[in-house]
Amino acid sequence: PEGLRVHSCKLARSPFAAPEEVDSPLGAFAVGQRVEVMQEDEGYEGAWFVAEVLELQKEAVRVMYPAFAAEEGSDAKLEDTVQLRRLRPMPPPPAPAFSGSLSAGAPLEMLFEDGWWQGGLPASPT
């Protein structure tokens, strides 16, 4: 189903390339790349939101969130500087009909209010 994807520990790891191919974690990202950023603000803890990399800094990345305005009523988009540990690459789309292979308790992420939230597949009532 749209708005649902399998949660994987692999999604939380930033680099696309094998460690020997990347000099530093920053090497896994590029300006203009779409990424997901884990939120730490109250009420959003653990949710992942899509962002675009604007600038690579020494130990952080400057990003822009296309879904959020910098200020209410503004066309400017929200920008933030985030630590590398809070970034992950965009995951691949789920395989067709992946939901048919899920079992109770399977870790999932659900799209809600522009963010991906972790959860699990509940057991069906008996």
Protein backbone atom coordinates (compact mmCIF):
# COMPACT_ATOMS: atom_id res chain seq x y z
CA PRO A 1 0.00 0.00 0.00
CA GLU A 2 1.08 3.57 -0.67
CA GLY A 3 2.47 5.32 2.40
CA LEU A 4 3.79 2.11 3.93
CA ARG A 5 7.25 0.57 3.68
CA VAL A 6 9.30 -2.06 5.45
CA HIS A 7 11.50 -0.63 8.19
CA SER A 8 15.03 -1.91 7.99
CA CYS A 9 18.08 -1.31 10.14
CA LYS A 10 19.88 -0.82 6.83
CA LEU A 11 17.82 2.32 6.19
CA ALA A 12 19.35 4.01 9.23
CA ARG A 13 22.86 3.63 7.83
CA SER A 14 23.96 6.60 5.80
CA PRO A 15 26.62 5.54 3.28
CA PHE A 16 25.60 4.14 -0.10
CA ALA A 17 29.08 2.83 -0.73
CA ALA A 18 31.05 0.25 1.21
CA PRO A 19 33.21 1.81 3.97
CA GLU A 20 36.40 1.26 2.02
CA GLU A 21 34.98 3.34 -0.86
CA VAL A 22 34.20 6.38 1.31
CA ASP A 23 36.90 8.45 3.00
CA SER A 24 34.43 9.81 5.56
CA PRO A 25 30.66 9.62 6.17
CA LEU A 26 30.39 12.97 4.39
CA GLY A 27 31.57 11.20 1.22
CA ALA A 28 28.25 9.36 1.15
CA PHE A 29 26.33 12.57 0.43
CA ALA A 30 26.35 15.23 -2.28
CA VAL A 31 24.90 18.72 -2.64
CA GLY A 32 21.47 18.43 -4.26
CA GLN A 33 20.92 14.87 -3.04
CA ARG A 34 17.59 13.98 -1.46
CA VAL A 35 17.99 12.35 1.95
CA GLU A 36 15.90 11.61 5.02
CA VAL A 37 16.60 13.34 8.33
CA MET A 38 15.68 11.83 11.70
CA GLN A 39 13.94 14.36 13.91
CA GLU A 40 14.75 14.90 17.57
CA ASP A 41 12.29 17.69 18.41
CA GLU A 42 9.54 16.94 20.92
CA GLY A 43 6.57 15.28 19.25
CA TYR A 44 8.63 14.29 16.20
CA GLU A 45 11.26 12.03 17.86
CA GLY A 46 12.36 9.22 15.55
CA ALA A 47 10.34 10.37 12.52
CA TRP A 48 12.20 10.74 9.20
CA PHE A 49 11.52 13.68 6.86
CA VAL A 50 12.72 14.20 3.29
CA ALA A 51 15.29 16.96 2.82
CA GLU A 52 17.70 18.17 0.15
CA VAL A 53 21.41 18.56 0.91
CA LEU A 54 22.43 22.21 0.48
CA GLU A 55 25.94 22.21 1.90
CA LEU A 56 28.46 19.70 3.25
CA GLN A 57 30.22 20.93 6.37
CA LYS A 58 33.00 19.34 8.41
CA GLU A 59 30.81 17.13 10.62
CA ALA A 60 27.32 18.13 9.58
CA VAL A 61 25.14 18.81 6.56
CA ARG A 62 22.96 21.82 5.80
CA VAL A 63 19.57 20.68 4.49
CA MET A 64 16.31 22.16 3.22
CA TYR A 65 12.94 20.53 3.93
CA PRO A 66 10.66 20.93 0.88
CA ALA A 67 7.53 20.12 2.91
CA PHE A 68 8.00 22.89 5.49
CA ALA A 69 7.94 26.68 5.26
CA ALA A 70 10.66 28.63 7.06
CA GLU A 71 7.94 30.83 8.54
CA GLU A 72 4.18 30.62 8.40
CA GLY A 73 2.92 32.24 5.20
CA SER A 74 6.40 32.29 3.64
CA ASP A 75 7.37 30.62 0.37
CA ALA A 76 10.91 30.10 1.73
CA LYS A 77 11.56 26.53 2.84
CA LEU A 78 12.87 25.51 6.26
CA GLU A 79 16.63 24.96 6.42
CA ASP A 80 18.63 23.29 9.19
CA THR A 81 22.11 22.02 9.95
CA VAL A 82 22.06 18.40 11.11
CA GLN A 83 24.66 15.94 12.34
CA LEU A 84 25.58 13.09 10.00
CA ARG A 85 24.22 10.48 12.42
CA ARG A 86 20.72 11.84 11.70
CA LEU A 87 20.93 11.30 7.91
CA ARG A 88 20.15 8.34 5.73
CA PRO A 89 19.82 8.00 1.96
CA MET A 90 16.38 7.75 0.43
CA PRO A 91 15.36 4.09 0.56
CA PRO A 92 14.39 2.25 -2.60
CA PRO A 93 10.65 1.93 -3.27
CA PRO A 94 9.02 -1.19 -1.81
CA ALA A 95 8.68 -4.20 -4.07
CA PRO A 96 5.26 -4.65 -5.69
CA ALA A 97 2.84 -6.52 -3.40
CA PHE A 98 5.39 -6.53 -0.56
CA SER A 99 2.58 -6.21 1.98
CA GLY A 100 1.40 -9.74 1.21
CA SER A 101 4.62 -11.16 2.64
CA LEU A 102 4.41 -9.33 5.98
CA SER A 103 3.64 -11.06 9.25
CA ALA A 104 2.41 -9.77 12.61
CA GLY A 105 5.05 -7.74 14.37
CA ALA A 106 6.92 -6.88 11.16
CA PRO A 107 8.67 -3.52 11.58
CA LEU A 108 7.20 -0.91 9.24
CA GLU A 109 7.33 2.79 8.52
CA MET A 110 4.14 4.70 7.77
CA LEU A 111 3.93 8.03 5.96
CA PHE A 112 2.01 10.49 8.14
CA GLU A 113 2.02 14.29 7.87
CA ASP A 114 5.03 14.29 5.50
CA GLY A 115 7.20 12.10 7.76
CA TRP A 116 8.00 8.41 8.03
CA TRP A 117 7.12 7.03 11.47
CA GLN A 118 8.27 3.66 12.80
CA GLY A 119 5.78 1.09 13.92
CA GLY A 120 4.88 -2.54 13.52
CA LEU A 121 2.21 -4.61 11.84
CA PRO A 122 -0.36 -5.53 14.51
CA ALA A 123 -1.65 -9.06 14.85
CA SER A 124 -5.07 -9.56 13.32
CA PRO A 125 -7.87 -9.99 15.86
CA THR A 126 -8.92 -13.57 16.40
